[in-house]
Amino acid sequence: MRGERGRSGSAGMNIARAYRVALCLLLLAAGVFPISASNAENTAKIPLTLVAIGARYGTNALTDKAGAMDRVDVFWSWRSPYAWEFTPGWDIGARLNASVGAIRGQGETGAVGTLVPTLAVGDTDNGFSFEAGVGVAMFSKWEYGTVEDFGGPLQFILDLGVNFRVTKRFGLGYRIQHWSDGGIYGSDNRGVEMHMLEFSYRY
């Protein structure tokens, strides 16, 4: 719990700063992931393409039993124009993952949305991939009871995940997301580790 920090006179300035940072990151993502095809060498000549949609369930109870929280999401994953086949049958490419969902803890519920650019390493048939990325999350509520206080609506995400194709159209995955405020609301930015299982439909 971060005490009265979020209620201090500087809270409004911190939240305004958080929204400005989020806007800059969204504009950066729009520049990195253009909708048009790329003509660069060693890149796929395809537009930004939706490759999967699905649902996730996550919890932080494995690492924080006192402040245990549950999260459910629906998510979308797009493949960007940028991909490089570094060895036959395997490539590395940029993706953009987005989600909206709900988070519940200490008997209280709030909404959460995420936007995470990632790098994915996997086979070219999309049967297996490992992803790593850094992005942002926006929370409608950041205080849960007397145990959890994220500091404000904007949080930064470190995302690591693995995905497996079970059948031609369906896949399973596991990811861990660490989020914290990066110090924009003050020095107490301990963060949260959310362990998530996902079920996906692949295009």
N, C-alpha and C. Protein backbone atom coordinates (compact mmCIF):
# COMPACT_ATOMS: atom_id res chain seq x y z
N MET A 1 0.84 -1.19 0.00
CA MET A 1 0.00 0.00 0.00
C MET A 1 0.88 1.24 0.00
N ARG A 2 0.53 2.23 -0.79
CA ARG A 2 1.36 3.40 -0.93
C ARG A 2 0.89 4.57 -0.08
N GLY A 3 0.01 4.30 0.86
CA GLY A 3 -0.40 5.33 1.80
C GLY A 3 -1.13 6.46 1.11
N GLU A 4 -0.77 7.70 1.52
CA GLU A 4 -1.47 8.87 1.01
C GLU A 4 -0.82 9.47 -0.21
N ARG A 5 0.17 8.81 -0.80
CA ARG A 5 0.89 9.39 -1.91
C ARG A 5 -0.03 9.73 -3.06
N GLY A 6 -0.96 8.78 -3.42
CA GLY A 6 -1.85 9.01 -4.55
C GLY A 6 -2.85 10.11 -4.28
N ARG A 7 -3.01 10.54 -3.00
CA ARG A 7 -3.99 11.56 -2.65
C ARG A 7 -3.34 12.91 -2.40
N SER A 8 -2.07 13.04 -2.62
CA SER A 8 -1.36 14.28 -2.35
C SER A 8 -1.69 15.31 -3.42
N GLY A 9 -1.24 16.56 -3.17
CA GLY A 9 -1.52 17.63 -4.12
C GLY A 9 -0.87 17.43 -5.46
N SER A 10 0.18 16.59 -5.55
CA SER A 10 0.86 16.36 -6.82
C SER A 10 0.22 15.26 -7.63
N ALA A 11 -0.83 14.60 -7.10
CA ALA A 11 -1.43 13.46 -7.81
C ALA A 11 -1.95 13.87 -9.17
N GLY A 12 -2.62 15.04 -9.24
CA GLY A 12 -3.16 15.49 -10.53
C GLY A 12 -2.08 15.70 -11.56
N MET A 13 -0.96 16.30 -11.16
CA MET A 13 0.15 16.51 -12.09
C MET A 13 0.73 15.19 -12.54
N ASN A 14 0.87 14.21 -11.63
CA ASN A 14 1.41 12.90 -12.00
C ASN A 14 0.51 12.18 -12.98
N ILE A 15 -0.80 12.25 -12.77
CA ILE A 15 -1.73 11.58 -13.67
C ILE A 15 -1.71 12.24 -15.04
N ALA A 16 -1.66 13.57 -15.08
CA ALA A 16 -1.56 14.27 -16.37
C ALA A 16 -0.29 13.86 -17.09
N ARG A 17 0.79 13.76 -16.36
CA ARG A 17 2.05 13.32 -16.96
C ARG A 17 1.93 11.90 -17.50
N ALA A 18 1.24 11.04 -16.75
CA ALA A 18 1.05 9.66 -17.19
C ALA A 18 0.31 9.60 -18.51
N TYR A 19 -0.74 10.41 -18.66
CA TYR A 19 -1.49 10.40 -19.91
C TYR A 19 -0.65 10.91 -21.07
N ARG A 20 0.21 11.90 -20.82
CA ARG A 20 1.09 12.39 -21.88
C ARG A 20 2.08 11.31 -22.31
N VAL A 21 2.63 10.58 -21.35
CA VAL A 21 3.55 9.49 -21.67
C VAL A 21 2.84 8.42 -22.48
N ALA A 22 1.62 8.07 -22.07
CA ALA A 22 0.85 7.06 -22.80
C ALA A 22 0.60 7.48 -24.24
N LEU A 23 0.23 8.76 -24.45
CA LEU A 23 -0.02 9.26 -25.79
C LEU A 23 1.24 9.16 -26.65
N CYS A 24 2.37 9.54 -26.08
CA CYS A 24 3.63 9.44 -26.83
C CYS A 24 3.94 8.00 -27.22
N LEU A 25 3.72 7.06 -26.30
CA LEU A 25 3.99 5.66 -26.60
C LEU A 25 3.04 5.12 -27.66
N LEU A 26 1.78 5.54 -27.62
CA LEU A 26 0.83 5.11 -28.64
C LEU A 26 1.23 5.64 -30.02
N LEU A 27 1.67 6.90 -30.08
CA LEU A 27 2.13 7.46 -31.35
C LEU A 27 3.37 6.74 -31.85
N LEU A 28 4.26 6.38 -30.93
CA LEU A 28 5.45 5.62 -31.30
C LEU A 28 5.07 4.27 -31.87
N ALA A 29 4.13 3.58 -31.23
CA ALA A 29 3.67 2.28 -31.73
C ALA A 29 3.06 2.41 -33.11
N ALA A 30 2.32 3.50 -33.35
CA ALA A 30 1.72 3.69 -34.66
C ALA A 30 2.78 3.87 -35.73
N GLY A 31 3.91 4.50 -35.35
CA GLY A 31 4.99 4.67 -36.31
C GLY A 31 5.77 3.40 -36.56
N VAL A 32 5.93 2.59 -35.51
CA VAL A 32 6.69 1.35 -35.64
C VAL A 32 5.90 0.28 -36.37
N PHE A 33 4.57 0.31 -36.25
CA PHE A 33 3.70 -0.70 -36.84
C PHE A 33 2.77 -0.08 -37.87
N PRO A 34 3.31 0.37 -39.02
CA PRO A 34 2.46 0.99 -40.03
C PRO A 34 1.52 -0.03 -40.66
N ILE A 35 0.40 0.46 -41.18
CA ILE A 35 -0.57 -0.43 -41.80
C ILE A 35 -0.17 -0.77 -43.24
N SER A 36 0.65 0.06 -43.85
CA SER A 36 1.05 -0.20 -45.24
C SER A 36 2.14 -1.25 -45.31
N ALA A 37 2.29 -1.86 -46.50
CA ALA A 37 3.33 -2.87 -46.70
C ALA A 37 4.69 -2.21 -46.73
N SER A 38 5.69 -2.97 -46.34
CA SER A 38 7.06 -2.47 -46.32
C SER A 38 7.82 -2.95 -47.54
N ASN A 39 8.68 -2.07 -48.08
CA ASN A 39 9.52 -2.45 -49.21
C ASN A 39 10.96 -2.70 -48.79
N ALA A 40 11.21 -2.69 -47.48
CA ALA A 40 12.57 -2.88 -47.00
C ALA A 40 13.04 -4.30 -47.27
N GLU A 41 14.35 -4.43 -47.48
CA GLU A 41 14.93 -5.74 -47.71
C GLU A 41 14.80 -6.58 -46.45
N ASN A 42 14.59 -7.90 -46.64
CA ASN A 42 14.45 -8.86 -45.55
C ASN A 42 13.19 -8.63 -44.71
N THR A 43 12.14 -8.01 -45.28
CA THR A 43 10.88 -7.88 -44.58
C THR A 43 9.78 -8.49 -45.40
N ALA A 44 8.75 -8.98 -44.72
CA ALA A 44 7.63 -9.58 -45.42
C ALA A 44 6.83 -8.49 -46.13
N LYS A 45 6.37 -8.77 -47.36
CA LYS A 45 5.63 -7.78 -48.13
C LYS A 45 4.14 -7.95 -47.85
N ILE A 46 3.74 -7.77 -46.61
CA ILE A 46 2.34 -7.91 -46.21
C ILE A 46 1.98 -6.78 -45.26
N PRO A 47 0.70 -6.38 -45.20
CA PRO A 47 0.30 -5.35 -44.24
C PRO A 47 0.22 -5.92 -42.84
N LEU A 48 -0.05 -5.03 -41.88
CA LEU A 48 -0.28 -5.46 -40.52
C LEU A 48 -1.48 -6.40 -40.52
N THR A 49 -1.28 -7.63 -40.02
CA THR A 49 -2.28 -8.68 -40.20
C THR A 49 -2.68 -9.28 -38.85
N LEU A 50 -3.98 -9.39 -38.63
CA LEU A 50 -4.47 -10.06 -37.43
C LEU A 50 -4.19 -11.55 -37.54
N VAL A 51 -3.45 -12.10 -36.57
CA VAL A 51 -3.08 -13.51 -36.62
C VAL A 51 -3.74 -14.34 -35.54
N ALA A 52 -4.26 -13.70 -34.47
CA ALA A 52 -4.90 -14.48 -33.40
C ALA A 52 -5.78 -13.59 -32.54
N ILE A 53 -6.84 -14.19 -32.03
CA ILE A 53 -7.65 -13.58 -30.98
C ILE A 53 -7.83 -14.64 -29.90
N GLY A 54 -8.17 -14.22 -28.69
CA GLY A 54 -8.32 -15.23 -27.66
C GLY A 54 -8.71 -14.65 -26.31
N ALA A 55 -8.61 -15.49 -25.30
CA ALA A 55 -8.96 -15.13 -23.93
C ALA A 55 -7.86 -15.57 -22.99
N ARG A 56 -7.70 -14.82 -21.90
CA ARG A 56 -6.67 -15.12 -20.90
C ARG A 56 -7.25 -15.07 -19.50
N TYR A 57 -6.64 -15.88 -18.64
CA TYR A 57 -6.88 -15.76 -17.21
C TYR A 57 -5.53 -15.65 -16.51
N GLY A 58 -5.43 -14.73 -15.56
CA GLY A 58 -4.17 -14.57 -14.85
C GLY A 58 -4.36 -14.30 -13.37
N THR A 59 -3.29 -14.55 -12.61
CA THR A 59 -3.29 -14.27 -11.18
C THR A 59 -1.88 -13.92 -10.74
N ASN A 60 -1.77 -13.14 -9.70
CA ASN A 60 -0.47 -12.86 -9.09
C ASN A 60 -0.30 -13.59 -7.77
N ALA A 61 -1.21 -14.53 -7.48
CA ALA A 61 -1.19 -15.23 -6.18
C ALA A 61 0.08 -16.05 -5.99
N LEU A 62 0.76 -16.41 -7.08
CA LEU A 62 1.99 -17.21 -6.95
C LEU A 62 3.10 -16.42 -6.28
N THR A 63 3.08 -15.09 -6.42
CA THR A 63 4.16 -14.27 -5.88
C THR A 63 3.69 -13.27 -4.83
N ASP A 64 2.38 -13.12 -4.66
CA ASP A 64 1.87 -12.12 -3.71
C ASP A 64 0.54 -12.61 -3.14
N LYS A 65 0.59 -13.53 -2.20
CA LYS A 65 -0.63 -14.11 -1.65
C LYS A 65 -1.45 -13.08 -0.88
N ALA A 66 -0.78 -12.15 -0.19
CA ALA A 66 -1.50 -11.16 0.60
C ALA A 66 -2.30 -10.22 -0.29
N GLY A 67 -1.75 -9.90 -1.46
CA GLY A 67 -2.43 -8.99 -2.39
C GLY A 67 -2.91 -9.71 -3.62
N ALA A 68 -3.40 -10.93 -3.46
CA ALA A 68 -3.80 -11.75 -4.61
C ALA A 68 -4.87 -11.07 -5.44
N MET A 69 -4.67 -11.10 -6.77
CA MET A 69 -5.61 -10.50 -7.70
C MET A 69 -5.82 -11.45 -8.87
N ASP A 70 -7.02 -11.40 -9.47
CA ASP A 70 -7.34 -12.20 -10.64
C ASP A 70 -7.63 -11.27 -11.81
N ARG A 71 -7.30 -11.73 -13.00
CA ARG A 71 -7.50 -10.91 -14.20
C ARG A 71 -8.02 -11.78 -15.33
N VAL A 72 -9.00 -11.28 -16.08
CA VAL A 72 -9.48 -11.94 -17.29
C VAL A 72 -9.42 -10.93 -18.42
N ASP A 73 -9.02 -11.40 -19.61
CA ASP A 73 -8.83 -10.54 -20.77
C ASP A 73 -9.38 -11.20 -22.02
N VAL A 74 -9.71 -10.38 -22.99
CA VAL A 74 -9.74 -10.82 -24.38
C VAL A 74 -8.60 -10.09 -25.07
N PHE A 75 -7.97 -10.75 -26.04
CA PHE A 75 -6.79 -10.15 -26.65
C PHE A 75 -6.78 -10.35 -28.16
N TRP A 76 -5.99 -9.50 -28.81
CA TRP A 76 -5.77 -9.55 -30.25
C TRP A 76 -4.27 -9.49 -30.49
N SER A 77 -3.80 -10.21 -31.52
CA SER A 77 -2.38 -10.20 -31.88
C SER A 77 -2.25 -9.96 -33.37
N TRP A 78 -1.45 -8.95 -33.73
CA TRP A 78 -1.20 -8.62 -35.13
C TRP A 78 0.26 -8.87 -35.47
N ARG A 79 0.50 -9.35 -36.67
CA ARG A 79 1.86 -9.49 -37.21
C ARG A 79 2.18 -8.25 -38.02
N SER A 80 3.34 -7.67 -37.78
CA SER A 80 3.75 -6.46 -38.51
C SER A 80 4.40 -6.84 -39.84
N PRO A 81 4.70 -5.86 -40.69
CA PRO A 81 5.38 -6.16 -41.94
C PRO A 81 6.83 -6.62 -41.78
N TYR A 82 7.38 -6.48 -40.57
CA TYR A 82 8.80 -6.71 -40.40
C TYR A 82 9.08 -8.12 -39.90
N ALA A 83 9.76 -8.91 -40.70
CA ALA A 83 10.12 -10.28 -40.33
C ALA A 83 11.42 -10.66 -41.03
N TRP A 84 12.22 -11.50 -40.37
CA TRP A 84 13.50 -11.93 -40.93
C TRP A 84 13.67 -13.42 -40.67
N GLU A 85 13.79 -14.19 -41.72
CA GLU A 85 14.02 -15.63 -41.59
C GLU A 85 15.51 -15.86 -41.42
N PHE A 86 15.92 -16.05 -40.17
CA PHE A 86 17.35 -16.15 -39.86
C PHE A 86 17.92 -17.53 -40.10
N THR A 87 17.05 -18.55 -40.19
CA THR A 87 17.47 -19.89 -40.57
C THR A 87 16.26 -20.57 -41.19
N PRO A 88 16.43 -21.51 -42.10
CA PRO A 88 15.28 -22.10 -42.77
C PRO A 88 14.21 -22.61 -41.80
N GLY A 89 13.00 -22.11 -41.95
CA GLY A 89 11.89 -22.54 -41.11
C GLY A 89 11.70 -21.76 -39.83
N TRP A 90 12.61 -20.81 -39.53
CA TRP A 90 12.51 -20.03 -38.30
C TRP A 90 12.73 -18.55 -38.61
N ASP A 91 11.92 -17.70 -37.96
CA ASP A 91 12.09 -16.27 -38.20
C ASP A 91 11.88 -15.47 -36.91
N ILE A 92 12.24 -14.20 -37.00
CA ILE A 92 12.01 -13.26 -35.91
C ILE A 92 11.25 -12.09 -36.51
N GLY A 93 10.20 -11.68 -35.84
CA GLY A 93 9.38 -10.62 -36.38
C GLY A 93 8.75 -9.78 -35.29
N ALA A 94 8.25 -8.62 -35.69
CA ALA A 94 7.59 -7.71 -34.76
C ALA A 94 6.09 -7.95 -34.78
N ARG A 95 5.49 -7.91 -33.59
CA ARG A 95 4.04 -8.06 -33.44
C ARG A 95 3.50 -6.97 -32.53
N LEU A 96 2.21 -6.81 -32.57
CA LEU A 96 1.53 -5.87 -31.70
C LEU A 96 0.39 -6.60 -31.02
N ASN A 97 0.41 -6.64 -29.70
CA ASN A 97 -0.62 -7.31 -28.91
C ASN A 97 -1.43 -6.29 -28.13
N ALA A 98 -2.74 -6.46 -28.12
CA ALA A 98 -3.62 -5.57 -27.38
C ALA A 98 -4.63 -6.41 -26.60
N SER A 99 -5.09 -5.89 -25.48
CA SER A 99 -6.08 -6.61 -24.68
C SER A 99 -6.96 -5.63 -23.92
N VAL A 100 -8.16 -6.09 -23.60
CA VAL A 100 -9.05 -5.38 -22.68
C VAL A 100 -9.61 -6.42 -21.73
N GLY A 101 -9.83 -6.03 -20.48
CA GLY A 101 -10.33 -7.00 -19.53
C GLY A 101 -10.65 -6.38 -18.19
N ALA A 102 -10.75 -7.25 -17.20
CA ALA A 102 -11.10 -6.83 -15.84
C ALA A 102 -10.12 -7.45 -14.86
N ILE A 103 -9.89 -6.73 -13.78
CA ILE A 103 -9.01 -7.21 -12.73
C ILE A 103 -9.74 -7.08 -11.40
N ARG A 104 -9.63 -8.11 -10.55
CA ARG A 104 -10.36 -8.12 -9.29
C ARG A 104 -9.42 -8.48 -8.14
N GLY A 105 -9.51 -7.72 -7.08
CA GLY A 105 -8.72 -7.99 -5.90
C GLY A 105 -9.31 -7.31 -4.68
N GLN A 106 -9.20 -7.94 -3.54
CA GLN A 106 -9.70 -7.39 -2.28
C GLN A 106 -11.20 -7.06 -2.37
N GLY A 107 -11.94 -7.85 -3.18
CA GLY A 107 -13.36 -7.65 -3.31
C GLY A 107 -13.76 -6.50 -4.21
N GLU A 108 -12.81 -5.92 -4.95
CA GLU A 108 -13.08 -4.78 -5.82
C GLU A 108 -12.67 -5.12 -7.25
N THR A 109 -13.35 -4.51 -8.23
CA THR A 109 -13.12 -4.83 -9.64
C THR A 109 -12.87 -3.55 -10.44
N GLY A 110 -11.93 -3.61 -11.37
CA GLY A 110 -11.65 -2.49 -12.26
C GLY A 110 -11.35 -3.00 -13.65
N ALA A 111 -11.30 -2.09 -14.62
CA ALA A 111 -11.00 -2.42 -16.01
C ALA A 111 -9.53 -2.16 -16.31
N VAL A 112 -8.99 -2.91 -17.28
CA VAL A 112 -7.60 -2.73 -17.69
C VAL A 112 -7.49 -2.96 -19.19
N GLY A 113 -6.68 -2.14 -19.84
CA GLY A 113 -6.37 -2.31 -21.25
C GLY A 113 -4.87 -2.24 -21.46
N THR A 114 -4.35 -3.03 -22.39
CA THR A 114 -2.90 -3.06 -22.63
C THR A 114 -2.60 -2.93 -24.12
N LEU A 115 -1.42 -2.40 -24.41
CA LEU A 115 -0.89 -2.33 -25.77
C LEU A 115 0.60 -2.63 -25.68
N VAL A 116 1.04 -3.74 -26.29
CA VAL A 116 2.41 -4.21 -26.11
C VAL A 116 3.03 -4.60 -27.45
N PRO A 117 3.95 -3.80 -27.99
CA PRO A 117 4.76 -4.25 -29.12
C PRO A 117 5.73 -5.33 -28.65
N THR A 118 5.89 -6.39 -29.45
CA THR A 118 6.78 -7.49 -29.06
C THR A 118 7.65 -7.91 -30.24
N LEU A 119 8.70 -8.62 -29.90
CA LEU A 119 9.48 -9.38 -30.88
C LEU A 119 9.18 -10.85 -30.65
N ALA A 120 8.86 -11.57 -31.72
CA ALA A 120 8.49 -12.98 -31.63
C ALA A 120 9.49 -13.81 -32.43
N VAL A 121 10.00 -14.86 -31.80
CA VAL A 121 10.88 -15.83 -32.46
C VAL A 121 10.12 -17.14 -32.55
N GLY A 122 10.00 -17.68 -33.75
CA GLY A 122 9.26 -18.92 -33.90
C GLY A 122 9.40 -19.53 -35.27
N ASP A 123 8.71 -20.66 -35.48
CA ASP A 123 8.78 -21.31 -36.78
C ASP A 123 7.85 -20.59 -37.76
N THR A 124 8.17 -20.65 -39.02
CA THR A 124 7.44 -19.91 -40.03
C THR A 124 6.02 -20.44 -40.24
N ASP A 125 5.71 -21.65 -39.77
CA ASP A 125 4.35 -22.18 -39.84
C ASP A 125 3.49 -21.73 -38.66
N ASN A 126 4.07 -20.88 -37.78
CA ASN A 126 3.33 -20.33 -36.64
C ASN A 126 2.88 -21.42 -35.66
N GLY A 127 3.68 -22.49 -35.54
CA GLY A 127 3.34 -23.55 -34.61
C GLY A 127 3.84 -23.29 -33.21
N PHE A 128 4.94 -22.54 -33.09
CA PHE A 128 5.52 -22.21 -31.79
C PHE A 128 6.14 -20.83 -31.88
N SER A 129 6.02 -20.06 -30.82
CA SER A 129 6.69 -18.77 -30.78
C SER A 129 7.00 -18.38 -29.34
N PHE A 130 8.09 -17.64 -29.19
CA PHE A 130 8.46 -17.02 -27.92
C PHE A 130 8.43 -15.52 -28.14
N GLU A 131 7.77 -14.79 -27.25
CA GLU A 131 7.61 -13.35 -27.40
C GLU A 131 8.19 -12.60 -26.21
N ALA A 132 8.75 -11.44 -26.50
CA ALA A 132 9.22 -10.54 -25.45
C ALA A 132 8.90 -9.12 -25.89
N GLY A 133 8.35 -8.33 -24.97
CA GLY A 133 7.99 -6.97 -25.35
C GLY A 133 7.86 -6.05 -24.16
N VAL A 134 7.76 -4.78 -24.47
CA VAL A 134 7.56 -3.73 -23.47
C VAL A 134 6.43 -2.84 -23.96
N GLY A 135 5.46 -2.56 -23.08
CA GLY A 135 4.32 -1.76 -23.49
C GLY A 135 3.70 -1.02 -22.33
N VAL A 136 2.43 -0.67 -22.50
CA VAL A 136 1.73 0.11 -21.48
C VAL A 136 0.40 -0.53 -21.14
N ALA A 137 -0.07 -0.25 -19.93
CA ALA A 137 -1.40 -0.65 -19.48
C ALA A 137 -2.09 0.57 -18.89
N MET A 138 -3.40 0.65 -19.10
CA MET A 138 -4.21 1.72 -18.51
C MET A 138 -5.27 1.08 -17.61
N PHE A 139 -5.35 1.55 -16.38
CA PHE A 139 -6.27 1.00 -15.39
C PHE A 139 -7.36 2.02 -15.07
N SER A 140 -8.60 1.55 -14.96
CA SER A 140 -9.67 2.44 -14.50
C SER A 140 -9.63 2.61 -12.99
N LYS A 141 -8.98 1.65 -12.31
CA LYS A 141 -8.89 1.67 -10.85
C LYS A 141 -7.52 1.15 -10.47
N TRP A 142 -6.85 1.83 -9.58
CA TRP A 142 -5.49 1.41 -9.21
C TRP A 142 -5.30 1.21 -7.71
N GLU A 143 -6.35 1.37 -6.91
CA GLU A 143 -6.30 1.05 -5.50
C GLU A 143 -7.30 -0.06 -5.21
N TYR A 144 -6.83 -1.13 -4.57
CA TYR A 144 -7.67 -2.28 -4.24
C TYR A 144 -7.53 -2.57 -2.75
N GLY A 145 -8.59 -2.21 -2.01
CA GLY A 145 -8.56 -2.41 -0.57
C GLY A 145 -7.42 -1.64 0.08
N THR A 146 -6.85 -2.21 1.11
CA THR A 146 -5.74 -1.59 1.83
C THR A 146 -4.41 -2.24 1.49
N VAL A 147 -4.41 -3.15 0.49
CA VAL A 147 -3.21 -3.93 0.20
C VAL A 147 -2.51 -3.46 -1.07
N GLU A 148 -3.27 -3.22 -2.15
CA GLU A 148 -2.67 -2.88 -3.43
C GLU A 148 -2.98 -1.45 -3.83
N ASP A 149 -1.93 -0.71 -4.21
CA ASP A 149 -2.07 0.63 -4.76
C ASP A 149 -0.99 0.79 -5.81
N PHE A 150 -1.38 0.83 -7.11
CA PHE A 150 -0.42 0.92 -8.20
C PHE A 150 0.11 2.34 -8.38
N GLY A 151 -0.54 3.32 -7.76
CA GLY A 151 -0.07 4.69 -7.85
C GLY A 151 -0.85 5.56 -8.81
N GLY A 152 -1.32 5.00 -9.93
CA GLY A 152 -2.03 5.78 -10.93
C GLY A 152 -2.47 4.93 -12.09
N PRO A 153 -3.14 5.52 -13.09
CA PRO A 153 -3.75 4.75 -14.18
C PRO A 153 -2.78 4.15 -15.17
N LEU A 154 -1.64 4.79 -15.39
CA LEU A 154 -0.67 4.32 -16.39
C LEU A 154 0.37 3.43 -15.73
N GLN A 155 0.58 2.24 -16.31
CA GLN A 155 1.62 1.33 -15.85
C GLN A 155 2.41 0.85 -17.07
N PHE A 156 3.69 0.57 -16.86
CA PHE A 156 4.55 0.03 -17.91
C PHE A 156 4.64 -1.48 -17.75
N ILE A 157 4.65 -2.18 -18.87
CA ILE A 157 4.59 -3.65 -18.86
C ILE A 157 5.85 -4.25 -19.47
N LEU A 158 6.40 -5.24 -18.80
CA LEU A 158 7.39 -6.15 -19.38
C LEU A 158 6.68 -7.47 -19.60
N ASP A 159 6.66 -7.95 -20.84
CA ASP A 159 5.84 -9.10 -21.23
C ASP A 159 6.72 -10.20 -21.82
N LEU A 160 6.61 -11.42 -21.28
CA LEU A 160 7.30 -12.60 -21.81
C LEU A 160 6.27 -13.70 -21.99
N GLY A 161 6.29 -14.39 -23.14
CA GLY A 161 5.29 -15.42 -23.37
C GLY A 161 5.74 -16.48 -24.34
N VAL A 162 5.10 -17.65 -24.25
CA VAL A 162 5.29 -18.73 -25.21
C VAL A 162 3.92 -19.17 -25.71
N ASN A 163 3.86 -19.52 -26.99
CA ASN A 163 2.60 -19.92 -27.61
C ASN A 163 2.80 -21.21 -28.40
N PHE A 164 1.83 -22.12 -28.30
CA PHE A 164 1.88 -23.39 -29.02
C PHE A 164 0.60 -23.55 -29.83
N ARG A 165 0.73 -24.03 -31.04
CA ARG A 165 -0.45 -24.37 -31.83
C ARG A 165 -0.84 -25.80 -31.53
N VAL A 166 -2.06 -26.01 -31.03
CA VAL A 166 -2.55 -27.34 -30.68
C VAL A 166 -3.18 -28.00 -31.90
N THR A 167 -4.00 -27.24 -32.62
CA THR A 167 -4.57 -27.69 -33.89
C THR A 167 -4.33 -26.59 -34.91
N LYS A 168 -4.86 -26.77 -36.10
CA LYS A 168 -4.64 -25.76 -37.15
C LYS A 168 -5.13 -24.39 -36.71
N ARG A 169 -6.24 -24.34 -35.97
CA ARG A 169 -6.86 -23.06 -35.63
C ARG A 169 -6.77 -22.67 -34.15
N PHE A 170 -6.39 -23.57 -33.29
CA PHE A 170 -6.43 -23.28 -31.86
C PHE A 170 -5.05 -23.44 -31.22
N GLY A 171 -4.78 -22.58 -30.27
CA GLY A 171 -3.50 -22.61 -29.60
C GLY A 171 -3.61 -22.35 -28.11
N LEU A 172 -2.55 -22.68 -27.38
CA LEU A 172 -2.44 -22.43 -25.95
C LEU A 172 -1.17 -21.64 -25.69
N GLY A 173 -1.17 -20.90 -24.61
CA GLY A 173 0.02 -20.13 -24.29
C GLY A 173 0.11 -19.80 -22.81
N TYR A 174 1.30 -19.40 -22.43
CA TYR A 174 1.56 -18.93 -21.07
C TYR A 174 2.40 -17.67 -21.17
N ARG A 175 2.07 -16.68 -20.36
CA ARG A 175 2.92 -15.49 -20.31
C ARG A 175 2.94 -14.92 -18.91
N ILE A 176 4.00 -14.21 -18.65
CA ILE A 176 4.13 -13.47 -17.40
C ILE A 176 4.25 -12.00 -17.76
N GLN A 177 3.45 -11.19 -17.10
CA GLN A 177 3.51 -9.75 -17.29
C GLN A 177 3.88 -9.09 -15.96
N HIS A 178 4.94 -8.31 -16.00
CA HIS A 178 5.31 -7.50 -14.84
C HIS A 178 4.92 -6.07 -15.16
N TRP A 179 4.15 -5.44 -14.27
CA TRP A 179 3.86 -4.03 -14.50
C TRP A 179 4.21 -3.21 -13.27
N SER A 180 4.65 -1.98 -13.53
CA SER A 180 4.91 -1.01 -12.48
C SER A 180 4.82 0.38 -13.09
N ASP A 181 4.86 1.41 -12.24
CA ASP A 181 4.69 2.76 -12.76
C ASP A 181 5.99 3.40 -13.21
N GLY A 182 7.11 2.71 -13.09
CA GLY A 182 8.38 3.26 -13.54
C GLY A 182 8.82 4.50 -12.77
N GLY A 183 8.22 4.71 -11.60
CA GLY A 183 8.61 5.85 -10.79
C GLY A 183 7.89 7.15 -11.10
N ILE A 184 6.92 7.14 -12.04
CA ILE A 184 6.27 8.39 -12.41
C ILE A 184 5.32 8.91 -11.33
N TYR A 185 4.91 8.03 -10.39
CA TYR A 185 4.05 8.47 -9.30
C TYR A 185 4.81 8.56 -7.98
N GLY A 186 6.11 8.32 -7.99
CA GLY A 186 6.88 8.36 -6.77
C GLY A 186 7.88 7.21 -6.72
N SER A 187 8.58 7.10 -5.61
CA SER A 187 9.67 6.13 -5.51
C SER A 187 9.19 4.71 -5.20
N ASP A 188 7.97 4.56 -4.69
CA ASP A 188 7.47 3.23 -4.31
C ASP A 188 6.79 2.59 -5.51
N ASN A 189 7.57 1.86 -6.32
CA ASN A 189 7.03 1.26 -7.54
C ASN A 189 7.36 -0.23 -7.58
N ARG A 190 6.88 -0.95 -6.58
CA ARG A 190 7.24 -2.36 -6.40
C ARG A 190 6.75 -3.24 -7.54
N GLY A 191 5.61 -2.91 -8.18
CA GLY A 191 5.13 -3.66 -9.33
C GLY A 191 4.36 -4.92 -8.97
N VAL A 192 3.81 -5.55 -10.00
CA VAL A 192 3.01 -6.75 -9.88
C VAL A 192 3.44 -7.73 -10.95
N GLU A 193 3.54 -9.03 -10.60
CA GLU A 193 3.80 -10.08 -11.58
C GLU A 193 2.53 -10.89 -11.79
N MET A 194 2.01 -10.87 -13.00
CA MET A 194 0.78 -11.58 -13.32
C MET A 194 1.12 -12.78 -14.19
N HIS A 195 0.79 -13.98 -13.73
CA HIS A 195 0.99 -15.21 -14.49
C HIS A 195 -0.31 -15.53 -15.23
N MET A 196 -0.23 -15.71 -16.55
CA MET A 196 -1.44 -15.80 -17.36
C MET A 196 -1.42 -17.03 -18.29
N LEU A 197 -2.56 -17.71 -18.34
CA LEU A 197 -2.77 -18.78 -19.32
C LEU A 197 -3.72 -18.26 -20.38
N GLU A 198 -3.46 -18.64 -21.64
CA GLU A 198 -4.29 -18.10 -22.73
C GLU A 198 -4.72 -19.19 -23.70
N PHE A 199 -5.87 -18.98 -24.28
CA PHE A 199 -6.45 -19.84 -25.30
C PHE A 199 -6.70 -18.96 -26.53
N SER A 200 -6.22 -19.37 -27.69
CA SER A 200 -6.28 -18.50 -28.86
C SER A 200 -6.90 -19.22 -30.06
N TYR A 201 -7.56 -18.42 -30.89
CA TYR A 201 -8.01 -18.84 -32.22
C TYR A 201 -7.09 -18.18 -33.23
N ARG A 202 -6.53 -18.99 -34.13
CA ARG A 202 -5.54 -18.48 -35.08
C ARG A 202 -6.10 -18.42 -36.49
N TYR A 203 -5.73 -17.34 -37.18
CA TYR A 203 -6.18 -17.16 -38.55
C TYR A 203 -5.18 -17.74 -39.54
